[in-house]
Amino acid sequence: MKTGIPMILVGGGMFLAGLVMFYSIELGQTEPTLRLIKNIGTFVGLSGIGVGVAGILLYLISRNQPPIQENFESKK
């Protein structure tokens, strides 16, 4: 299996987990534990975006491209 597809899936999962952690805590929370969870959600979500983009780039780079057939003979 290509390495890009699992990274895209892991990045998507991290992004969704970050969204859940960030939006499950209401804004203006003063309890330190809940603020920590919200901040970790931000970090995990942004890291998930980075991992997803890296997976997309790995997938695009590792694709096999057909060789270019060069024909230098002119037709008359």
N, C-alpha and C. Protein backbone atom coordinates (compact mmCIF):
# COMPACT_ATOMS: atom_id res chain seq x y z
N MET A 1 0.85 -1.18 0.00
CA MET A 1 0.00 0.00 0.00
C MET A 1 0.89 1.24 0.00
N LYS A 2 0.47 2.24 -0.69
CA LYS A 2 1.25 3.47 -0.75
C LYS A 2 1.22 4.18 0.59
N THR A 3 2.27 4.92 0.91
CA THR A 3 2.35 5.57 2.21
C THR A 3 1.47 6.79 2.31
N GLY A 4 1.05 7.36 1.21
CA GLY A 4 0.27 8.59 1.26
C GLY A 4 -1.15 8.39 1.76
N ILE A 5 -1.78 7.27 1.40
CA ILE A 5 -3.18 7.06 1.76
C ILE A 5 -3.37 6.89 3.26
N PRO A 6 -2.54 6.09 3.97
CA PRO A 6 -2.71 6.03 5.43
C PRO A 6 -2.46 7.37 6.11
N MET A 7 -1.52 8.14 5.59
CA MET A 7 -1.26 9.46 6.19
C MET A 7 -2.44 10.40 5.99
N ILE A 8 -3.09 10.31 4.84
CA ILE A 8 -4.28 11.14 4.60
C ILE A 8 -5.37 10.76 5.59
N LEU A 9 -5.56 9.46 5.82
CA LEU A 9 -6.58 9.00 6.76
C LEU A 9 -6.24 9.40 8.20
N VAL A 10 -4.98 9.26 8.60
CA VAL A 10 -4.57 9.66 9.95
C VAL A 10 -4.73 11.16 10.13
N GLY A 11 -4.35 11.94 9.12
CA GLY A 11 -4.52 13.40 9.21
C GLY A 11 -5.98 13.80 9.32
N GLY A 12 -6.85 13.12 8.56
CA GLY A 12 -8.28 13.40 8.66
C GLY A 12 -8.83 13.06 10.04
N GLY A 13 -8.38 11.94 10.59
CA GLY A 13 -8.80 11.55 11.94
C GLY A 13 -8.32 12.52 13.00
N MET A 14 -7.08 12.97 12.86
CA MET A 14 -6.56 13.96 13.80
C MET A 14 -7.34 15.27 13.71
N PHE A 15 -7.66 15.68 12.48
CA PHE A 15 -8.41 16.91 12.29
C PHE A 15 -9.79 16.81 12.93
N LEU A 16 -10.48 15.69 12.72
CA LEU A 16 -11.79 15.50 13.32
C LEU A 16 -11.73 15.42 14.84
N ALA A 17 -10.70 14.75 15.37
CA ALA A 17 -10.55 14.69 16.83
C ALA A 17 -10.28 16.08 17.41
N GLY A 18 -9.49 16.88 16.69
CA GLY A 18 -9.24 18.24 17.14
C GLY A 18 -10.50 19.09 17.12
N LEU A 19 -11.33 18.91 16.09
CA LEU A 19 -12.60 19.65 16.03
C LEU A 19 -13.50 19.28 17.20
N VAL A 20 -13.58 17.99 17.50
CA VAL A 20 -14.42 17.54 18.61
C VAL A 20 -13.91 18.12 19.93
N MET A 21 -12.60 18.06 20.16
CA MET A 21 -12.05 18.59 21.42
C MET A 21 -12.22 20.09 21.51
N PHE A 22 -12.07 20.79 20.40
CA PHE A 22 -12.17 22.25 20.43
C PHE A 22 -13.60 22.71 20.64
N TYR A 23 -14.53 22.14 19.89
CA TYR A 23 -15.91 22.63 19.94
C TYR A 23 -16.75 21.99 21.05
N SER A 24 -16.24 20.98 21.75
CA SER A 24 -17.00 20.40 22.85
C SER A 24 -16.89 21.26 24.12
N ILE A 25 -15.90 22.12 24.18
CA ILE A 25 -15.71 23.00 25.32
C ILE A 25 -16.20 24.39 24.93
N GLU A 26 -17.05 24.97 25.77
CA GLU A 26 -17.60 26.28 25.42
C GLU A 26 -16.56 27.38 25.63
N LEU A 27 -16.75 28.48 24.92
CA LEU A 27 -15.82 29.60 24.92
C LEU A 27 -15.84 30.31 26.27
N GLY A 28 -14.70 30.80 26.72
CA GLY A 28 -14.61 31.54 27.97
C GLY A 28 -14.52 30.66 29.20
N GLN A 29 -14.11 29.45 29.05
CA GLN A 29 -14.01 28.52 30.17
C GLN A 29 -12.84 28.91 31.06
N THR A 30 -13.06 28.92 32.38
CA THR A 30 -12.00 29.34 33.31
C THR A 30 -11.33 28.15 33.99
N GLU A 31 -11.91 26.97 33.92
CA GLU A 31 -11.30 25.81 34.56
C GLU A 31 -10.08 25.38 33.74
N PRO A 32 -8.92 25.23 34.40
CA PRO A 32 -7.68 24.94 33.65
C PRO A 32 -7.72 23.63 32.86
N THR A 33 -8.36 22.61 33.37
CA THR A 33 -8.39 21.33 32.65
C THR A 33 -9.17 21.45 31.34
N LEU A 34 -10.30 22.15 31.38
CA LEU A 34 -11.09 22.30 30.16
C LEU A 34 -10.39 23.21 29.15
N ARG A 35 -9.70 24.23 29.64
CA ARG A 35 -8.94 25.10 28.73
C ARG A 35 -7.80 24.32 28.09
N LEU A 36 -7.18 23.42 28.85
CA LEU A 36 -6.11 22.59 28.30
C LEU A 36 -6.64 21.67 27.20
N ILE A 37 -7.83 21.09 27.42
CA ILE A 37 -8.42 20.23 26.40
C ILE A 37 -8.72 21.03 25.13
N LYS A 38 -9.22 22.24 25.30
CA LYS A 38 -9.52 23.09 24.15
C LYS A 38 -8.24 23.45 23.39
N ASN A 39 -7.18 23.77 24.12
CA ASN A 39 -5.90 24.10 23.47
C ASN A 39 -5.28 22.88 22.80
N ILE A 40 -5.39 21.72 23.41
CA ILE A 40 -4.88 20.50 22.78
C ILE A 40 -5.68 20.20 21.52
N GLY A 41 -6.98 20.47 21.55
CA GLY A 41 -7.80 20.29 20.36
C GLY A 41 -7.34 21.16 19.21
N THR A 42 -6.96 22.40 19.52
CA THR A 42 -6.43 23.29 18.49
C THR A 42 -5.14 22.72 17.90
N PHE A 43 -4.25 22.28 18.76
CA PHE A 43 -2.97 21.73 18.31
C PHE A 43 -3.16 20.47 17.47
N VAL A 44 -4.01 19.56 17.93
CA VAL A 44 -4.23 18.31 17.21
C VAL A 44 -4.89 18.58 15.86
N GLY A 45 -5.84 19.50 15.82
CA GLY A 45 -6.51 19.82 14.56
C GLY A 45 -5.56 20.41 13.54
N LEU A 46 -4.73 21.36 13.97
CA LEU A 46 -3.76 21.96 13.03
C LEU A 46 -2.70 20.95 12.61
N SER A 47 -2.28 20.09 13.54
CA SER A 47 -1.32 19.05 13.18
C SER A 47 -1.94 18.07 12.18
N GLY A 48 -3.23 17.78 12.36
CA GLY A 48 -3.92 16.89 11.43
C GLY A 48 -3.97 17.46 10.03
N ILE A 49 -4.15 18.78 9.92
CA ILE A 49 -4.12 19.41 8.61
C ILE A 49 -2.75 19.22 7.97
N GLY A 50 -1.70 19.41 8.74
CA GLY A 50 -0.34 19.24 8.23
C GLY A 50 -0.05 17.82 7.79
N VAL A 51 -0.48 16.85 8.60
CA VAL A 51 -0.27 15.44 8.25
C VAL A 51 -1.07 15.08 6.99
N GLY A 52 -2.28 15.60 6.89
CA GLY A 52 -3.09 15.33 5.70
C GLY A 52 -2.48 15.89 4.44
N VAL A 53 -1.97 17.10 4.52
CA VAL A 53 -1.31 17.71 3.34
C VAL A 53 -0.05 16.94 2.98
N ALA A 54 0.72 16.52 3.99
CA ALA A 54 1.92 15.72 3.72
C ALA A 54 1.54 14.40 3.05
N GLY A 55 0.44 13.79 3.48
CA GLY A 55 -0.02 12.55 2.86
C GLY A 55 -0.42 12.75 1.42
N ILE A 56 -1.11 13.86 1.15
CA ILE A 56 -1.50 14.16 -0.23
C ILE A 56 -0.27 14.35 -1.10
N LEU A 57 0.72 15.07 -0.60
CA LEU A 57 1.95 15.29 -1.37
C LEU A 57 2.70 13.98 -1.60
N LEU A 58 2.78 13.13 -0.57
CA LEU A 58 3.44 11.83 -0.76
C LEU A 58 2.71 10.98 -1.79
N TYR A 59 1.40 11.02 -1.75
CA TYR A 59 0.62 10.25 -2.72
C TYR A 59 0.88 10.75 -4.14
N LEU A 60 0.90 12.06 -4.31
CA LEU A 60 1.12 12.61 -5.65
C LEU A 60 2.54 12.38 -6.15
N ILE A 61 3.52 12.43 -5.26
CA ILE A 61 4.91 12.24 -5.67
C ILE A 61 5.19 10.78 -6.01
N SER A 62 4.57 9.85 -5.28
CA SER A 62 4.91 8.44 -5.47
C SER A 62 4.12 7.76 -6.58
N ARG A 63 3.27 8.48 -7.28
CA ARG A 63 2.53 7.87 -8.39
C ARG A 63 3.48 7.52 -9.52
N ASN A 64 3.21 6.41 -10.17
CA ASN A 64 4.01 6.01 -11.33
C ASN A 64 3.47 6.73 -12.55
N GLN A 65 4.33 7.46 -13.21
CA GLN A 65 3.92 8.16 -14.41
C GLN A 65 4.40 7.38 -15.63
N PRO A 66 3.58 7.34 -16.67
CA PRO A 66 4.02 6.62 -17.87
C PRO A 66 5.21 7.36 -18.51
N PRO A 67 6.13 6.60 -19.07
CA PRO A 67 7.29 7.25 -19.70
C PRO A 67 6.87 8.08 -20.91
N ILE A 68 7.58 9.13 -21.13
CA ILE A 68 7.31 9.99 -22.28
C ILE A 68 7.95 9.36 -23.51
N GLN A 69 7.13 9.14 -24.52
CA GLN A 69 7.66 8.57 -25.75
C GLN A 69 8.04 9.70 -26.69
N GLU A 70 9.30 9.74 -26.97
CA GLU A 70 9.80 10.81 -27.84
C GLU A 70 9.95 10.28 -29.26
N ASN A 71 9.39 11.00 -30.17
CA ASN A 71 9.48 10.61 -31.57
C ASN A 71 10.03 11.82 -32.33
N PHE A 72 11.30 11.72 -32.70
CA PHE A 72 11.97 12.83 -33.36
C PHE A 72 11.94 12.72 -34.89
N GLU A 73 11.36 11.68 -35.40
CA GLU A 73 11.32 11.51 -36.85
C GLU A 73 10.17 12.33 -37.42
N SER A 74 10.48 13.07 -38.46
CA SER A 74 9.41 13.86 -39.10
C SER A 74 8.69 13.00 -40.13
N LYS A 75 7.41 13.22 -40.23
CA LYS A 75 6.60 12.46 -41.20
C LYS A 75 6.53 13.25 -42.50
N LYS A 76 6.72 12.54 -43.62
CA LYS A 76 6.68 13.20 -44.93
C LYS A 76 5.60 12.63 -45.79
